[in-house]
Protein backbone atom coordinates (compact mmCIF):
# COMPACT_ATOMS: atom_id res chain seq x y z
CA MET A 1 107.76 84.65 104.14
CA ALA A 2 103.98 85.45 105.19
CA ARG A 3 103.41 82.75 107.77
CA VAL A 4 99.51 81.34 109.03
CA GLU A 5 99.17 79.10 111.72
CA PHE A 6 95.00 79.17 112.09
CA ASP A 7 92.08 76.88 113.44
CA SER A 8 88.55 76.68 112.58
CA THR A 9 85.83 75.79 115.10
CA LYS A 10 82.16 77.29 116.11
CA LYS A 11 81.11 79.29 118.65
CA PRO A 12 78.35 80.31 120.65
CA LEU A 13 76.97 84.03 119.45
CA ASP A 14 76.38 84.87 122.92
CA ASP A 15 79.63 83.33 124.48
CA LEU A 16 81.24 85.92 121.60
CA LEU A 17 79.50 88.82 122.34
CA LYS A 18 79.88 88.61 126.10
CA ARG A 19 83.46 88.53 125.20
CA ALA A 20 83.16 91.47 123.22
CA ARG A 21 81.47 93.17 126.33
CA ASP A 22 84.15 92.06 128.40
CA GLY A 23 86.60 93.47 126.61
CA LEU A 24 88.33 89.91 125.79
CA ILE A 25 87.72 90.27 122.02
CA GLN A 26 89.02 93.53 120.75
CA LEU A 27 89.63 95.31 117.47
CA PRO A 28 93.20 96.18 116.02
CA ASP A 29 93.18 99.97 115.91
CA PHE A 30 93.74 99.83 112.08
CA GLN A 31 90.06 98.67 111.70
CA ARG A 32 87.78 101.03 110.27
CA GLY A 33 84.46 102.06 112.28
CA TRP A 34 81.25 100.71 112.58
CA VAL A 35 79.10 101.69 109.89
CA TRP A 36 76.03 99.76 109.35
CA ASP A 37 72.42 100.60 108.32
CA ASP A 38 69.34 100.28 109.72
CA GLU A 39 68.36 97.85 106.88
CA GLY A 40 71.26 96.08 107.61
CA LEU A 41 70.86 95.63 111.11
CA ARG A 42 67.30 94.48 110.77
CA GLY A 43 68.27 92.15 107.74
CA LEU A 44 71.32 90.12 110.10
CA LEU A 45 68.31 90.17 113.27
CA ALA A 46 66.20 88.26 110.71
CA SER A 47 68.71 85.92 109.23
CA ILE A 48 69.76 84.75 113.00
CA SER A 49 66.42 84.30 113.47
CA ARG A 50 65.70 81.63 110.63
CA SER A 51 69.22 80.34 111.80
CA PHE A 52 70.72 81.41 108.66
CA PRO A 53 74.76 81.02 108.08
CA VAL A 54 75.45 85.38 107.88
CA GLY A 55 79.44 84.28 107.37
CA ALA A 56 82.65 83.28 109.82
CA ILE A 57 84.44 86.19 112.15
CA MET A 58 88.45 85.80 112.25
CA THR A 59 89.70 86.64 114.70
CA LEU A 60 93.65 86.76 116.15
CA GLN A 61 94.83 85.56 119.27
CA ALA A 62 96.92 88.05 121.13
CA GLY A 63 100.04 88.52 123.10
CA GLY A 64 102.01 87.21 119.76
CA GLU A 65 105.20 88.51 117.13
CA VAL A 66 102.27 90.86 116.42
CA LYS A 67 101.30 93.57 119.22
CA PHE A 68 98.65 95.58 118.09
CA LYS A 69 97.45 98.44 120.06
CA PRO A 70 93.28 97.05 120.37
CA ARG A 71 90.07 98.84 121.38
CA PRO A 72 86.81 97.61 122.48
CA ILE A 73 84.18 97.39 119.65
CA GLU A 74 81.59 100.25 119.79
CA GLY A 75 79.14 100.69 122.35
CA ALA A 76 81.38 98.48 124.76
CA PRO A 77 81.75 99.29 128.34
CA PRO A 78 84.07 102.14 129.38
CA GLY A 79 86.07 99.31 131.58
CA SER A 80 86.54 97.14 128.43
CA ALA A 81 89.34 98.75 127.63
CA ASN A 82 91.24 98.60 130.17
CA VAL A 83 91.11 94.75 129.71
CA ALA A 84 94.11 92.89 127.86
CA PRO A 85 92.19 91.24 125.24
CA GLU A 86 92.96 87.22 124.15
CA SER A 87 91.75 87.82 120.61
CA LEU A 88 91.39 90.68 117.95
CA LEU A 89 88.90 90.54 115.69
CA LEU A 90 90.22 90.99 111.65
CA ASP A 91 87.04 90.40 110.14
CA GLY A 92 83.48 90.44 111.52
CA GLN A 93 83.72 93.84 113.55
CA GLN A 94 80.48 94.60 110.95
CA ARG A 95 78.33 92.24 112.30
CA LEU A 96 79.63 91.30 115.93
CA THR A 97 79.32 95.36 116.60
CA SER A 98 75.73 95.06 115.27
CA LEU A 99 74.63 92.25 117.13
CA TYR A 100 76.38 93.59 120.03
CA GLN A 101 74.66 96.77 119.66
CA THR A 102 71.19 95.40 118.84
CA THR A 103 70.81 92.21 121.34
CA MET A 104 73.37 93.34 124.76
CA ARG A 105 73.20 97.18 124.99
CA ARG A 106 69.94 98.78 126.37
CA SER A 107 70.93 102.11 124.92
CA VAL A 108 69.72 103.69 121.56
CA VAL A 109 71.41 102.33 118.75
CA GLU A 110 72.89 105.10 116.54
CA THR A 111 72.87 103.95 112.89
CA MET A 112 71.53 105.58 109.79
CA ASN A 113 69.18 105.15 107.13
CA THR A 114 69.32 104.25 103.67
CA LYS A 115 70.42 108.06 102.86
CA LYS A 116 73.61 107.83 105.26
CA GLN A 117 71.93 110.38 106.93
CA LYS A 118 72.50 109.42 111.37
CA ILE A 119 69.75 107.98 112.98
CA LYS A 120 68.62 107.00 116.60
CA ARG A 121 66.85 103.61 116.44
CA PHE A 122 65.89 100.77 119.71
CA TYR A 123 64.70 97.91 117.78
CA TYR A 124 61.94 95.16 118.01
CA ILE A 125 60.41 92.08 117.03
CA ASP A 126 56.63 92.25 116.17
CA MET A 127 56.11 88.59 117.95
CA ALA A 128 52.71 88.19 115.95
CA ARG A 129 54.30 88.82 112.57
CA ALA A 130 57.11 87.22 113.38
CA LEU A 131 54.88 84.24 113.53
CA ASP A 132 53.19 84.16 110.71
CA GLU A 133 54.83 82.25 107.60
CA GLY A 134 52.87 84.49 105.22
CA VAL A 135 55.10 87.50 106.56
CA ASP A 136 58.63 87.96 105.32
CA ARG A 137 61.26 87.83 109.37
CA ILE A 138 62.49 91.34 107.64
CA ASP A 139 59.19 93.05 108.27
CA ALA A 140 59.33 91.68 112.05
CA PHE A 141 62.16 92.84 112.44
CA VAL A 142 60.97 96.85 113.57
CA GLY A 143 63.74 100.17 114.23
CA ILE A 144 61.56 103.17 116.45
CA ALA A 145 62.99 106.39 117.09
CA GLU A 146 64.53 107.73 120.09
CA SER A 147 61.01 108.46 121.83
CA LYS A 148 59.72 105.04 121.10
CA ILE A 149 56.80 106.65 119.50
CA GLU A 150 56.00 105.62 115.88
CA THR A 151 54.06 109.09 114.03
CA ARG A 152 52.83 109.54 110.61
CA ASN A 153 51.19 112.84 108.30
CA PHE A 154 54.13 115.03 110.21
CA GLY A 155 53.52 114.36 114.14
CA LYS A 156 50.03 114.25 113.61
CA GLU A 157 48.73 111.01 114.17
CA VAL A 158 50.72 108.17 116.80
CA VAL A 159 51.12 104.85 115.09
CA ARG A 160 52.69 103.30 117.85
CA ASP A 161 54.08 104.25 121.44
CA LEU A 162 56.70 101.84 123.32
CA THR A 163 57.38 104.40 125.96
CA THR A 164 56.28 101.83 128.51
CA GLU A 165 56.99 98.27 129.31
CA LYS A 166 52.98 98.11 129.74
CA ALA A 167 52.75 98.96 126.39
CA GLU A 168 55.13 96.47 124.77
CA PHE A 169 53.30 93.71 126.63
CA GLU A 170 50.16 95.54 125.04
CA GLN A 171 51.70 95.58 121.96
CA CYS A 172 53.31 92.34 121.61
CA MET A 173 56.69 93.84 120.62
CA PHE A 174 59.62 92.21 122.03
CA PRO A 175 62.50 94.46 122.52
CA THR A 176 65.61 93.11 120.87
CA ASN A 177 68.42 94.01 123.26
CA ARG A 178 66.08 91.47 125.76
CA ILE A 179 67.28 88.70 123.53
CA PHE A 180 70.26 86.99 125.58
CA ASP A 181 68.42 88.27 129.19
CA TRP A 182 64.22 87.51 128.50
CA ASN A 183 63.67 86.14 131.74
CA ASP A 184 62.70 89.14 133.65
CA TRP A 185 60.45 90.38 130.72
CA LEU A 186 58.31 87.18 130.27
CA THR A 187 57.67 87.45 133.63
CA LYS A 188 56.11 90.89 133.77
CA PHE A 189 54.72 89.98 129.91
CA ALA A 190 52.83 86.91 132.10
CA ALA A 191 51.94 89.00 134.64
CA TYR A 192 49.98 91.47 132.11
CA TRP A 193 48.25 89.44 130.74
CA GLN A 194 46.77 87.76 134.35
CA TYR A 195 48.96 84.35 132.58
CA ALA A 196 46.24 83.50 130.31
CA PRO A 197 46.58 80.23 128.54
CA ASP A 198 46.26 82.01 125.34
CA LYS A 199 49.35 84.40 125.54
CA MET A 200 51.34 81.66 127.27
CA GLN A 201 50.70 79.28 124.80
CA PHE A 202 52.38 82.18 122.10
CA TRP A 203 54.91 83.34 124.19
CA PHE A 204 56.37 79.74 123.60
CA LYS A 205 55.82 79.40 120.22
CA PHE A 206 57.60 82.76 120.03
CA LEU A 207 60.67 81.97 121.99
CA ASN A 208 61.04 77.97 120.48
CA GLU A 209 60.58 78.91 116.96
CA VAL A 210 62.31 82.72 117.20
CA LEU A 211 64.01 83.76 120.33
CA SER A 212 66.54 80.23 120.41
CA ALA A 213 67.49 80.44 117.18
CA PHE A 214 69.67 82.76 118.87
CA HIS A 215 70.27 81.51 122.17
CA GLN A 216 71.23 78.11 119.49
CA TYR A 217 73.44 79.97 116.74
CA GLN A 218 76.61 79.07 116.21
CA MET A 219 78.88 81.30 114.41
CA PRO A 220 81.80 80.22 113.03
CA VAL A 221 85.39 81.52 114.03
CA ILE A 222 88.97 81.02 111.88
CA GLU A 223 91.22 82.24 114.80
CA LEU A 224 95.10 83.04 113.49
CA GLY A 225 97.27 81.56 116.43
CA LYS A 226 99.88 84.04 117.73
CA SER A 227 103.00 83.25 115.02
CA THR A 228 100.81 84.72 112.42
CA SER A 229 103.84 86.91 110.91
CA ARG A 230 102.51 90.83 110.38
CA GLU A 231 102.42 90.56 106.68
CA ALA A 232 100.28 87.85 106.90
CA VAL A 233 97.87 89.27 109.21
CA CYS A 234 98.17 92.32 106.64
CA LEU A 235 97.34 89.94 103.55
CA VAL A 236 94.58 87.67 105.13
CA PHE A 237 92.80 91.38 106.19
CA GLU A 238 92.82 92.36 102.56
CA LYS A 239 91.42 89.05 101.75
CA VAL A 240 88.59 88.66 103.60
CA ASN A 241 87.81 92.59 103.48
CA THR A 242 87.67 92.93 99.21
CA GLY A 243 84.73 95.44 99.75
CA GLY A 244 86.49 97.67 102.30
CA LYS A 245 89.31 100.04 102.91
CA LYS A 246 92.35 97.85 101.14
CA LEU A 247 94.55 97.50 104.15
CA ASP A 248 98.71 99.14 103.74
CA ALA A 249 101.65 98.57 105.51
CA PHE A 250 101.13 102.20 107.02
CA GLU A 251 97.43 101.38 108.68
CA LEU A 252 99.52 97.95 110.24
CA LEU A 253 102.15 99.80 111.43
CA THR A 254 100.35 102.60 113.09
CA ALA A 255 98.71 99.79 115.12
CA ILE A 256 101.90 98.11 115.33
CA TYR A 257 103.69 101.14 116.96
CA ALA A 258 101.06 102.54 119.13
CA GLY A 259 101.12 98.59 120.71
CA GLU A 260 104.82 99.15 121.15
CA GLU A 261 104.85 102.56 122.76
CA GLU A 262 101.73 103.64 124.28
CA GLY A 263 100.22 107.21 123.20
CA PHE A 264 103.30 106.92 120.15
CA LEU A 265 100.32 108.35 117.70
CA LEU A 266 101.96 107.58 113.65
CA ARG A 267 99.10 108.92 112.04
CA GLU A 268 99.77 112.40 113.67
CA GLU A 269 103.75 112.01 112.80
CA TRP A 270 103.06 111.64 109.10
CA THR A 271 100.67 114.34 109.59
CA LYS A 272 103.30 116.49 110.28
CA ILE A 273 105.60 115.24 107.78
CA ALA A 274 103.18 115.47 104.69
CA LYS A 275 103.04 119.18 105.86
CA SER A 276 106.84 119.68 106.56
CA LEU A 277 107.07 117.98 102.71
CA LYS A 278 104.17 120.10 101.47
CA ASP A 279 105.60 123.56 102.74
CA ALA A 280 109.15 123.19 101.84
CA ILE A 281 108.07 124.11 98.08
CA ALA A 282 105.55 127.40 97.65
CA LEU A 283 103.95 125.92 95.55
CA LYS A 284 100.24 123.96 95.91
CA GLU A 285 100.73 121.10 93.50
CA HIS A 286 104.24 120.34 93.75
CA PRO A 287 105.62 116.53 93.60
CA LEU A 288 105.73 116.01 97.20
CA THR A 289 102.00 117.05 98.10
CA ARG A 290 101.36 113.39 96.25
CA LEU A 291 103.65 111.08 98.27
CA GLN A 292 101.83 108.68 100.19
CA PRO A 293 102.93 107.28 103.75
CA THR A 294 103.92 104.13 102.25
CA ASP A 295 105.98 105.69 100.05
CA PHE A 296 108.19 107.28 102.81
CA PHE A 297 108.02 103.77 105.15
CA GLN A 298 109.65 102.04 101.76
CA ALA A 299 112.60 104.38 101.82
CA LEU A 300 112.75 104.19 105.77
CA ALA A 301 112.91 101.02 105.01
CA LEU A 302 116.01 100.62 102.37
CA LEU A 303 118.04 102.42 104.87
CA PHE A 304 116.87 100.35 107.95
CA THR A 305 118.34 97.29 105.82
CA ARG A 306 121.00 99.54 104.10
CA ASP A 307 122.66 99.55 107.07
CA ARG A 308 121.68 96.51 108.69
CA ARG A 309 123.87 94.67 105.98
CA LEU A 310 126.57 97.48 106.53
CA ASN A 311 127.23 96.35 110.02
CA HIS A 312 126.68 92.53 109.45
CA LEU A 313 129.53 92.98 106.73
CA ALA A 314 131.79 95.75 109.15
CA ALA A 315 131.71 93.22 112.11
CA GLN A 316 132.39 89.94 109.29
CA LEU A 317 129.34 88.29 111.58
CA PRO A 318 129.11 84.45 110.41
CA GLY A 319 126.36 83.73 107.69
CA ASP A 320 125.05 85.68 104.54
CA ALA A 321 124.70 89.36 105.03
CA PRO A 322 121.00 90.31 104.97
CA ALA A 323 119.69 91.86 102.12
CA ILE A 324 118.61 95.53 101.56
CA SER A 325 114.94 95.22 101.05
CA CYS A 326 111.66 97.16 100.90
CA THR A 327 109.19 94.89 100.55
CA ARG A 328 105.69 94.96 102.96
CA ASP A 329 107.12 92.30 105.00
CA THR A 330 110.02 94.42 105.88
CA VAL A 331 108.41 97.38 105.90
CA LEU A 332 106.17 95.92 108.73
CA SER A 333 109.75 94.44 110.53
CA VAL A 334 111.08 98.06 110.74
CA PRO A 335 111.12 98.14 114.48
CA LEU A 336 109.98 101.58 115.71
CA GLY A 337 113.15 102.86 117.32
CA ALA A 338 114.49 102.38 113.41
CA TYR A 339 111.60 105.12 112.06
CA LYS A 340 112.90 107.45 115.41
CA GLN A 341 116.57 107.07 114.50
CA TYR A 342 115.70 107.60 110.29
CA ALA A 343 112.65 109.63 109.98
CA GLY A 344 113.76 113.20 110.63
CA ALA A 345 116.48 113.02 107.86
CA LEU A 346 114.52 111.02 105.33
CA GLU A 347 112.18 114.20 105.48
CA GLU A 348 115.18 115.77 104.25
CA GLY A 349 115.96 113.31 101.43
CA PHE A 350 112.55 113.67 100.39
CA LYS A 351 112.76 117.75 100.38
CA LYS A 352 116.01 116.76 98.48
CA ALA A 353 113.65 114.71 96.48
CA GLY A 354 111.19 117.31 95.24
CA LYS A 355 114.18 120.19 94.69
CA PHE A 356 115.80 117.80 92.45
CA LEU A 357 113.12 117.55 90.34
CA PHE A 358 112.65 121.19 90.02
CA GLY A 359 115.59 121.29 88.80
CA GLN A 360 115.13 118.17 86.13
CA ASN A 361 112.01 121.04 85.30
CA ILE A 362 109.47 118.75 86.82
CA PHE A 363 107.08 121.22 88.62
CA TRP A 364 103.65 119.35 88.76
CA PHE A 365 102.43 116.02 90.53
CA LYS A 366 101.01 114.96 87.54
CA ASP A 367 104.29 115.70 85.14
CA VAL A 368 105.99 113.17 87.49
CA PRO A 369 107.01 110.34 85.15
CA TYR A 370 107.22 107.48 88.08
CA GLN A 371 105.59 108.72 91.56
CA SER A 372 107.34 105.09 93.17
CA GLN A 373 111.21 106.45 91.90
CA LEU A 374 110.74 109.03 94.26
CA VAL A 375 111.19 105.58 96.81
CA PRO A 376 114.70 104.96 95.75
CA LEU A 377 115.94 108.51 95.30
CA ALA A 378 114.93 110.15 98.52
CA ALA A 379 116.95 107.19 100.08
CA ILE A 380 120.10 107.93 97.84
CA LEU A 381 119.93 111.48 98.96
CA THR A 382 119.57 110.72 102.36
CA GLU A 383 122.92 108.61 102.46
CA LEU A 384 124.66 111.55 99.87
CA GLY A 385 123.96 114.15 102.14
CA ASP A 386 125.13 117.87 101.25
CA ARG A 387 127.27 115.74 98.67
CA TRP A 388 124.04 115.88 96.28
CA THR A 389 124.79 119.53 95.55
CA GLN A 390 128.38 118.51 93.83
CA GLU A 391 127.94 118.88 89.86
CA ALA A 392 129.28 115.51 89.21
CA VAL A 393 127.19 113.88 91.69
CA ARG A 394 124.02 115.12 90.36
CA GLN A 395 125.41 114.72 86.50
CA LYS A 396 124.92 110.49 87.78
CA LEU A 397 122.26 111.29 89.56
CA ALA A 398 120.08 112.63 86.45
CA GLN A 399 121.69 110.39 84.23
CA TRP A 400 120.33 107.23 86.48
CA TYR A 401 116.76 108.74 86.77
CA TRP A 402 116.22 109.73 82.90
CA CYS A 403 117.70 105.86 82.16
CA GLY A 404 114.57 104.61 84.48
CA VAL A 405 111.99 107.13 83.42
CA PHE A 406 112.77 105.90 79.06
CA GLY A 407 113.75 102.66 80.22
CA GLU A 408 110.71 102.84 81.69
CA LEU A 409 111.67 100.66 84.40
CA TYR A 410 109.66 101.20 87.44
CA GLY A 411 106.12 100.04 86.35
CA GLY A 412 104.69 97.12 87.92
CA ALA A 413 106.42 95.21 90.81
CA ILE A 414 109.97 96.83 91.33
CA GLU A 415 111.33 97.07 94.90
CA THR A 416 113.92 94.56 94.11
CA ARG A 417 115.35 97.53 91.60
CA PHE A 418 114.73 100.22 94.48
CA ALA A 419 117.37 97.87 96.71
CA LYS A 420 119.57 97.56 93.76
CA ASP A 421 119.04 101.22 92.69
CA LEU A 422 120.33 102.65 96.51
CA ALA A 423 123.34 100.17 96.53
CA ASP A 424 124.72 100.38 92.59
CA VAL A 425 124.10 104.55 92.56
CA LEU A 426 126.15 104.84 96.17
CA ALA A 427 128.36 103.01 94.72
CA TRP A 428 128.48 104.14 91.32
CA ILE A 429 128.90 107.71 92.75
CA ASP A 430 132.12 106.68 94.81
CA GLY A 431 133.69 105.76 91.27
CA GLY A 432 131.90 101.60 91.28
CA PRO A 433 130.86 100.65 87.92
CA GLU A 434 127.38 101.56 86.81
CA PRO A 435 124.35 100.49 88.35
CA THR A 436 121.77 97.84 87.21
CA THR A 437 119.44 100.71 85.88
CA VAL A 438 121.69 102.41 83.75
CA LYS A 439 122.75 99.15 81.61
CA ASP A 440 119.14 97.83 82.02
CA SER A 441 118.06 101.17 80.03
CA ALA A 442 117.13 101.04 76.61
CA PHE A 443 114.74 102.95 74.12
CA ARG A 444 114.13 102.27 70.68
CA PRO A 445 112.96 104.79 67.75
CA GLU A 446 109.95 103.81 67.34
CA ARG A 447 108.48 104.18 70.72
CA LEU A 448 108.00 107.99 70.17
CA LYS A 449 105.26 106.90 67.57
CA THR A 450 103.57 105.56 69.67
CA MET A 451 103.55 108.16 72.82
CA THR A 452 99.83 109.49 72.89
CA SER A 453 99.05 109.20 76.80
CA ARG A 454 100.08 110.92 79.46
CA LEU A 455 99.75 108.46 81.28
CA SER A 456 103.13 107.14 79.80
CA ALA A 457 106.18 107.58 82.06
CA ALA A 458 108.97 108.31 78.85
CA TYR A 459 105.73 111.25 77.34
CA LYS A 460 106.34 112.79 80.81
CA GLY A 461 109.76 113.17 80.49
CA VAL A 462 109.93 114.53 76.93
CA HIS A 463 108.05 117.17 77.99
CA ALA A 464 110.33 117.41 81.32
CA LEU A 465 113.25 117.48 79.12
CA LEU A 466 112.40 120.13 76.13
CA MET A 467 111.43 122.83 79.18
CA HIS A 468 114.73 121.76 80.77
CA LYS A 469 116.71 122.10 77.78
CA GLN A 470 115.46 126.13 77.48
CA ALA A 471 112.49 125.13 75.00
CA ARG A 472 110.56 129.27 75.00
CA ASP A 473 107.13 130.05 74.33
CA PHE A 474 105.97 130.64 70.75
CA LEU A 475 105.01 133.89 71.47
CA SER A 476 106.95 135.18 74.38
CA GLY A 477 110.32 133.82 74.08
CA GLN A 478 110.33 133.13 77.34
CA SER A 479 111.53 129.82 78.82
CA TYR A 480 109.47 127.49 81.19
CA ASN A 481 110.93 127.85 85.24
CA GLN A 482 108.06 126.77 88.45
CA THR A 483 106.41 130.57 88.24
CA SER A 484 106.06 130.64 83.98
CA TYR A 485 104.81 127.05 84.32
CA PHE A 486 101.67 128.04 86.54
CA ASP A 487 101.58 132.12 86.21
CA GLU A 488 101.12 131.02 82.27
CA ALA A 489 99.17 127.80 82.74
CA VAL A 490 101.98 125.89 80.35
CA ASP A 491 100.61 122.38 79.36
CA ILE A 492 101.88 120.49 76.40
CA HIS A 493 99.94 121.06 73.03
CA HIS A 494 99.80 119.88 69.55
CA ILE A 495 102.37 121.21 66.97
CA PHE A 496 100.27 120.64 63.65
CA PRO A 497 96.91 121.13 65.29
CA ARG A 498 94.05 118.48 65.99
CA ALA A 499 91.58 120.11 63.68
CA TRP A 500 94.14 120.73 60.14
CA CYS A 501 95.23 117.23 61.02
CA GLN A 502 92.14 115.90 60.54
CA LYS A 503 90.64 118.44 57.73
CA MET A 504 94.09 116.42 55.88
CA GLY A 505 92.81 113.32 56.69
CA ILE A 506 95.69 112.57 59.02
CA PRO A 507 95.09 109.44 61.49
CA ARG A 508 95.20 110.11 64.71
CA GLU A 509 97.50 107.69 65.34
CA ARG A 510 100.23 109.73 63.14
CA TYR A 511 99.07 113.27 65.03
CA ASP A 512 98.50 112.47 68.36
CA THR A 513 101.99 111.74 69.90
CA ILE A 514 104.25 113.45 71.56
CA ILE A 515 106.54 114.12 68.28
CA ASN A 516 104.01 116.46 67.25
CA LYS A 517 103.29 117.93 70.67
CA THR A 518 105.47 120.40 72.75
CA PRO A 519 104.99 122.63 76.10
CA LEU A 520 103.12 126.23 75.31
CA SER A 521 101.52 128.46 77.37
CA SER A 522 97.73 128.67 77.53
CA LYS A 523 97.37 132.76 75.48
CA THR A 524 99.68 131.03 72.92
CA ASN A 525 97.97 127.78 72.39
CA ARG A 526 94.83 129.80 71.74
CA ILE A 527 96.61 131.88 68.82
CA VAL A 528 97.61 128.86 67.35
CA GLY A 529 94.07 127.36 67.23
CA GLY A 530 93.26 125.02 64.61
CA ASP A 531 94.70 126.57 62.20
CA ALA A 532 97.87 125.40 59.49
CA PRO A 533 101.36 126.24 61.43
CA SER A 534 101.49 128.71 58.19
CA ALA A 535 99.04 130.50 59.43
CA TYR A 536 99.11 130.22 63.21
CA LEU A 537 102.67 131.49 62.72
CA ALA A 538 101.87 134.30 60.78
CA ARG A 539 99.67 135.87 63.67
CA LEU A 540 102.17 135.76 66.03
CA PRO A 541 104.28 138.60 65.28
CA LYS A 542 101.01 140.68 65.53
CA GLN A 543 99.96 139.00 68.67
CA GLY A 544 103.03 140.54 70.47
CA ALA A 545 106.16 137.61 69.30
CA ALA A 546 109.59 140.55 68.45
CA SER A 547 109.22 139.00 65.14
CA ASP A 548 108.89 136.18 62.59
CA ALA A 549 113.53 135.64 62.91
CA ALA A 550 112.56 135.31 66.61
CA VAL A 551 109.99 133.31 66.59
CA ASP A 552 111.96 130.76 64.58
CA THR A 553 114.44 130.91 67.29
CA HIS A 554 111.80 130.27 69.63
CA LEU A 555 111.10 126.90 67.52
CA GLU A 556 114.19 125.58 67.31
CA SER A 557 114.59 125.83 70.80
CA HIS A 558 111.56 123.23 70.99
CA MET A 559 113.44 121.06 68.16
CA ILE A 560 111.53 122.19 65.50
CA ASP A 561 112.71 123.20 62.44
CA PRO A 562 111.10 126.32 61.09
CA ARG A 563 111.07 125.68 57.85
CA LEU A 564 109.13 122.88 58.27
CA LEU A 565 106.70 123.99 60.06
CA ARG A 566 106.28 127.09 58.25
CA ALA A 567 105.80 125.21 54.65
CA ASP A 568 103.02 123.26 56.41
CA ASP A 569 105.32 119.70 55.75
CA PHE A 570 103.72 117.29 58.73
CA GLU A 571 105.59 114.25 57.14
CA GLY A 572 109.33 116.41 57.04
CA PHE A 573 108.62 117.80 60.33
CA VAL A 574 107.60 114.54 61.83
CA GLY A 575 111.01 112.86 60.29
CA ARG A 576 113.61 115.91 61.45
CA ARG A 577 111.81 116.46 64.90
CA GLN A 578 111.76 112.61 65.86
CA GLU A 579 115.78 112.73 64.93
CA ALA A 580 116.07 115.64 67.49
CA LEU A 581 114.08 114.06 70.15
CA LEU A 582 115.71 111.03 70.15
CA GLY A 583 119.28 113.05 70.92
CA LEU A 584 117.94 114.73 73.63
CA ILE A 585 117.04 111.53 75.18
CA GLU A 586 120.51 109.77 74.31
CA ALA A 587 121.93 113.33 76.00
CA ALA A 588 119.71 112.61 79.54
CA THR A 589 120.23 108.91 79.56
CA GLY A 590 124.50 109.22 77.94
CA LYS A 591 123.23 105.79 76.18
CA ALA A 592 123.00 105.84 71.96
CA ILE A 593 119.77 104.27 71.11
CA TYR A 594 119.82 101.79 68.22
CA ARG A 595 118.46 103.31 64.58
CA GLY A 596 118.35 99.63 63.30
CA VAL A 597 115.45 98.36 62.09
CA ALA A 598 113.28 97.00 65.01
CA THR A 599 112.42 92.97 65.76
CA ASP A 600 109.84 93.70 67.57
CA GLU A 601 106.35 94.98 67.30
CA PRO A 602 105.69 98.78 68.89
CA VAL A 603 103.55 99.17 72.35
CA GLU A 604 100.72 101.21 72.10
CA ASP A 605 99.80 104.06 75.02
CA MET A 606 96.76 103.90 76.36
CA ILE A 607 94.53 106.96 75.51
CA ASP A 608 94.16 108.68 78.74
CA ASP A 609 90.65 110.86 77.80
CA GLU A 610 91.14 112.23 81.22
CA ALA A 611 94.54 113.35 80.84
CA GLU A 612 93.91 114.61 76.98
CA GLY A 613 91.65 116.59 77.95
CA LEU A 614 93.62 118.76 79.78
CA GLU A 615 94.61 120.11 76.15
CA ALA A 616 92.76 122.95 74.77
CA ALA A 617 90.77 121.82 71.68
CA GLU A 618 93.42 122.94 69.12
């Protein structure tokens, strides 16, 4: 359970900035870099100068359960990195860093313009404009190039030159980096104007109406206590950073592990693992190329918590044995030692998962029915070791896998199913009862009539099963292996072409389903075109097919009745092929499909326009 202990108060802005300068307030290493632009900086300064609220900041007390690797805010003195921070800044980094950069440092500020081009600026307050009620306050804050010279007409005309302090005094341009240290500047300003009463009155009005706002500004601070859990930190960070990058468990673990062991860089570790997985199979876009670090750590958490549970039971310790789990809270609790213990074996487990998918004719990452199902699959294969190559073991793995796909059981929150899969499948392979996933799996005949989109796991499943059952290309008669799949640009295409169906007045919801689709090479699909099946089948022998009889054999390998296709009998074809595909699914899942009348309305697939666009126009 996520635990949050917090307190809220207000703290002087200058105190917060000094603490950041001295390293007492630092950032957790997962925070992104400082990215505010010139307009944002001037707007923030203008708001503070008018005592407007600019939002609260959130900090986490250091030294508690969560030990992140800290880093100073951008621009802080080098020595601040050697200070043990008292607080870590979870929210407010951009604001606090912007104020520090513009008000506490003497160096130029490296920012960007509205076109996201990098620029360097010194910031000033036009004192007269700041006191003019008719001027928008943001227009009183001016950014000057690093040279401190503003020109126009391609540099021919100097508009403003602030290269000396005398120039600043003469033009009444107050540098923002003196806001919290203005005494020396004031002394020189007064001397420059020979203590003229009107200038001194002007200065004190500026001090009271503008600068005092910065000195008196109280920033709301929400401080999380030391006992705040890792999951709570992650959740809170996501809630307060809705406009930024979503923080995941991997980013948190990166900072946590770096805090536990000096020099340990989890991000570099993952880069090596990801490269190893991509190189494991000699194809650019195989399923492992899209594996996320969070997938890897969920599988690792399964292995870690399973061993923890087994050890508890073996030792007959009192109390309930800890559960197998891979929730985010569990992932965040995986210690660095456990990562080092399991990472190597799990890497091999994912490579085996890639080989398993290839064995099921799933070659492309877009054809993976459920990316999430790779998590329990890899964990199971890691535990099985070399046993997974045994035929009986592979058959059970395949049955479990396809039950998950055609039961459509891996959408939404499925961490609990992952945990049951690991325990259930391993026990089943050793002679235990059927896994919950196999028991829960059910497929209705009507579902085939609604599967129109590549977003559907079951849609992808039928595509893979047809290739796995040695479907042969209509033209070449070649089966679809990993080489031909990519070399021949195999994709799923209409059998009764879209154009012909539309001409015949067949509704899209009838002709656009998986029943009327099958894997074909791009060359064959071009020959199919938009004509009636009888017409394109007659063309195939002329384009290189062995004979009409050979073509009929190829059609049958796709579970298509050649006679119905050559007769352009769409209705007869749909009924016959639907039944054939149901038999294909039954064979893969090992479960009979009930053919009775459905009591529920079928669920329509979403139409994935991008995916549909992958199919050639027919």
